[in-house]
Amino acid sequence: MFPALSLIFFLFGIRILANVIRENGTSSAIYGLGTMGLLFGAIGTFMGVSLGFTGTWDVTGVDQGTLRAAGVAIQSYGGVVFGIGFLLTALAIADNKEGLHKIFAYIGALAGILSVVLSVMDLMDCGLWETTTMIYPIVYIIVSLWSITVGLALFKK
């Protein structure tokens, strides 16, 4: 439940940050494209997780393993879209910020690239799921920390 709530707050913050990007006038098109990737990636994550949870229900005539696999596939494809969106968003923010915020935005962009690579690995070979599952928390922590710093900077305005 916590990741779903954090995604909602994250998307809200990204929407608020759009006003700041528009005021500066640079990279607003890249930022807009990135936010679309974030939105559709979040929707894919919600759908994939929800479908995966249905695999735990005892329903006659339904193969739970297939439902879980379909959920992971949707979630992985959503992860590719989310990673690309996060990469574009972070690059647009880096273009509009200075100092530490710029450096942290570039680190966020690297997290977006890592997310795309991990999601593609998940889609290509389900044997790698155990390995990628150990690396995803690193991406989550980087995205979370970066989101918190951006949010705190917005609160100061």
Protein backbone atom coordinates (compact mmCIF):
# COMPACT_ATOMS: atom_id res chain seq x y z
CA MET A 1 0.00 0.00 0.00
CA PHE A 2 2.85 2.40 0.82
CA PRO A 3 4.43 2.32 -2.67
CA ALA A 4 1.04 3.12 -4.22
CA LEU A 5 0.57 6.14 -1.96
CA SER A 6 4.12 7.31 -2.53
CA LEU A 7 3.58 7.12 -6.31
CA ILE A 8 0.47 9.27 -6.00
CA PHE A 9 2.34 11.90 -3.98
CA PHE A 10 5.26 11.67 -6.39
CA LEU A 11 3.00 12.33 -9.39
CA PHE A 12 1.35 15.23 -7.57
CA GLY A 13 4.76 16.79 -6.90
CA ILE A 14 5.78 16.30 -10.52
CA ARG A 15 2.62 18.10 -11.60
CA ILE A 16 3.33 21.02 -9.25
CA LEU A 17 6.94 21.16 -10.45
CA ALA A 18 5.64 21.61 -14.01
CA ASN A 19 4.69 25.19 -13.11
CA VAL A 20 8.28 25.95 -12.10
CA ILE A 21 9.62 24.41 -15.30
CA ARG A 22 7.14 26.42 -17.40
CA GLU A 23 8.18 29.65 -15.66
CA ASN A 24 11.83 29.08 -16.56
CA GLY A 25 10.88 28.21 -20.13
CA THR A 26 13.68 25.74 -20.76
CA SER A 27 13.12 22.04 -21.38
CA SER A 28 9.37 22.25 -20.75
CA ALA A 29 8.62 19.99 -23.75
CA ILE A 30 11.03 17.31 -22.51
CA TYR A 31 9.57 17.65 -19.04
CA GLY A 32 6.02 17.25 -20.41
CA LEU A 33 6.97 14.13 -22.33
CA GLY A 34 8.70 12.74 -19.25
CA THR A 35 5.65 13.31 -17.09
CA MET A 36 3.52 11.35 -19.56
CA GLY A 37 5.96 8.45 -19.23
CA LEU A 38 5.76 8.71 -15.44
CA LEU A 39 1.96 8.69 -15.51
CA PHE A 40 1.64 5.71 -17.83
CA GLY A 41 4.44 3.90 -16.01
CA ALA A 42 2.61 4.39 -12.72
CA ILE A 43 -0.63 3.11 -14.26
CA GLY A 44 1.23 0.05 -15.57
CA THR A 45 2.71 -0.54 -12.13
CA PHE A 46 -0.70 -0.31 -10.47
CA MET A 47 -2.24 -2.66 -13.03
CA GLY A 48 0.63 -5.13 -12.88
CA VAL A 49 0.67 -5.30 -9.10
CA SER A 50 -3.11 -5.64 -8.98
CA LEU A 51 -3.09 -8.46 -11.51
CA GLY A 52 -0.28 -10.15 -9.62
CA PHE A 53 -2.33 -10.03 -6.42
CA THR A 54 -5.24 -11.75 -8.13
CA GLY A 55 -2.96 -14.75 -8.50
CA THR A 56 -3.24 -15.28 -4.75
CA TRP A 57 -7.02 -15.73 -4.89
CA ASP A 58 -8.45 -19.20 -4.98
CA VAL A 59 -10.46 -19.09 -8.18
CA THR A 60 -11.48 -22.32 -9.88
CA GLY A 61 -10.21 -22.73 -13.43
CA VAL A 62 -7.62 -19.97 -13.24
CA ASP A 63 -3.90 -20.64 -13.24
CA GLN A 64 -2.44 -18.41 -10.54
CA GLY A 65 1.07 -18.64 -11.98
CA THR A 66 -0.14 -17.25 -15.29
CA LEU A 67 -1.85 -14.33 -13.57
CA ARG A 68 1.29 -13.52 -11.61
CA ALA A 69 3.45 -13.75 -14.72
CA ALA A 70 1.08 -11.48 -16.63
CA GLY A 71 1.18 -9.02 -13.73
CA VAL A 72 4.97 -8.98 -13.72
CA ALA A 73 5.03 -8.50 -17.50
CA ILE A 74 2.70 -5.49 -17.28
CA GLN A 75 4.65 -4.10 -14.35
CA SER A 76 7.97 -4.57 -16.19
CA TYR A 77 6.68 -2.85 -19.32
CA GLY A 78 5.36 -0.05 -17.11
CA GLY A 79 8.82 0.08 -15.55
CA VAL A 80 10.39 0.71 -18.96
CA VAL A 81 7.98 3.56 -19.65
CA PHE A 82 8.41 4.94 -16.10
CA GLY A 83 12.21 4.77 -16.36
CA ILE A 84 12.24 6.65 -19.65
CA GLY A 85 9.83 9.21 -18.23
CA PHE A 86 11.94 9.62 -15.12
CA LEU A 87 15.09 10.02 -17.20
CA LEU A 88 13.50 12.78 -19.31
CA THR A 89 12.01 14.50 -16.27
CA ALA A 90 15.30 14.44 -14.37
CA LEU A 91 17.20 15.82 -17.37
CA ALA A 92 14.67 18.65 -17.76
CA ILE A 93 14.96 19.49 -14.06
CA ALA A 94 18.76 19.38 -14.26
CA ASP A 95 18.54 21.93 -17.07
CA ASN A 96 16.53 24.25 -14.79
CA LYS A 97 18.43 23.87 -11.51
CA GLU A 98 21.84 24.86 -10.22
CA GLY A 99 24.38 23.41 -7.81
CA LEU A 100 23.50 20.40 -5.70
CA HIS A 101 20.02 20.08 -7.21
CA LYS A 102 21.53 19.78 -10.68
CA ILE A 103 23.96 17.05 -9.59
CA PHE A 104 21.23 15.14 -7.79
CA ALA A 105 18.99 15.43 -10.87
CA TYR A 106 21.71 13.80 -12.96
CA ILE A 107 21.98 11.02 -10.37
CA GLY A 108 18.20 10.65 -10.72
CA ALA A 109 18.63 10.40 -14.49
CA LEU A 110 21.10 7.56 -13.95
CA ALA A 111 18.49 5.86 -11.77
CA GLY A 112 16.05 6.20 -14.67
CA ILE A 113 18.51 4.51 -17.00
CA LEU A 114 19.06 1.72 -14.46
CA SER A 115 15.29 1.27 -14.15
CA VAL A 116 14.95 0.91 -17.92
CA VAL A 117 17.79 -1.62 -18.09
CA LEU A 118 16.36 -3.68 -15.21
CA SER A 119 12.85 -3.64 -16.67
CA VAL A 120 14.11 -4.76 -20.09
CA MET A 121 16.07 -7.55 -18.39
CA ASP A 122 12.85 -8.62 -16.62
CA LEU A 123 10.97 -8.68 -19.91
CA MET A 124 13.64 -10.63 -21.75
CA ASP A 125 14.41 -13.35 -19.23
CA CYS A 126 12.29 -14.29 -16.22
CA GLY A 127 15.30 -16.14 -14.82
CA LEU A 128 16.79 -12.75 -13.98
CA TRP A 129 13.85 -11.70 -11.77
CA GLU A 130 15.64 -12.72 -8.59
CA THR A 131 18.68 -10.62 -9.50
CA THR A 132 16.75 -7.55 -10.64
CA THR A 133 14.52 -7.71 -7.56
CA MET A 134 17.63 -7.21 -5.44
CA ILE A 135 18.67 -4.11 -7.44
CA TYR A 136 15.27 -2.37 -7.74
CA PRO A 137 15.35 -1.11 -4.12
CA ILE A 138 18.45 0.93 -4.98
CA VAL A 139 16.51 2.70 -7.73
CA TYR A 140 13.56 3.18 -5.36
CA ILE A 141 15.79 4.75 -2.70
CA ILE A 142 17.45 7.12 -5.20
CA VAL A 143 14.09 8.17 -6.65
CA SER A 144 12.63 8.63 -3.17
CA LEU A 145 15.55 10.71 -1.88
CA TRP A 146 15.60 12.86 -4.99
CA SER A 147 11.84 13.36 -4.82
CA ILE A 148 12.10 14.42 -1.18
CA THR A 149 14.82 16.98 -1.94
CA VAL A 150 12.83 18.41 -4.86
CA GLY A 151 9.69 18.51 -2.70
CA LEU A 152 11.50 20.30 0.14
CA ALA A 153 12.82 22.85 -2.34
CA LEU A 154 9.26 23.42 -3.58
CA PHE A 155 8.03 23.93 0.00
CA LYS A 156 10.62 26.68 0.48
CA LYS A 157 9.19 28.67 -2.43
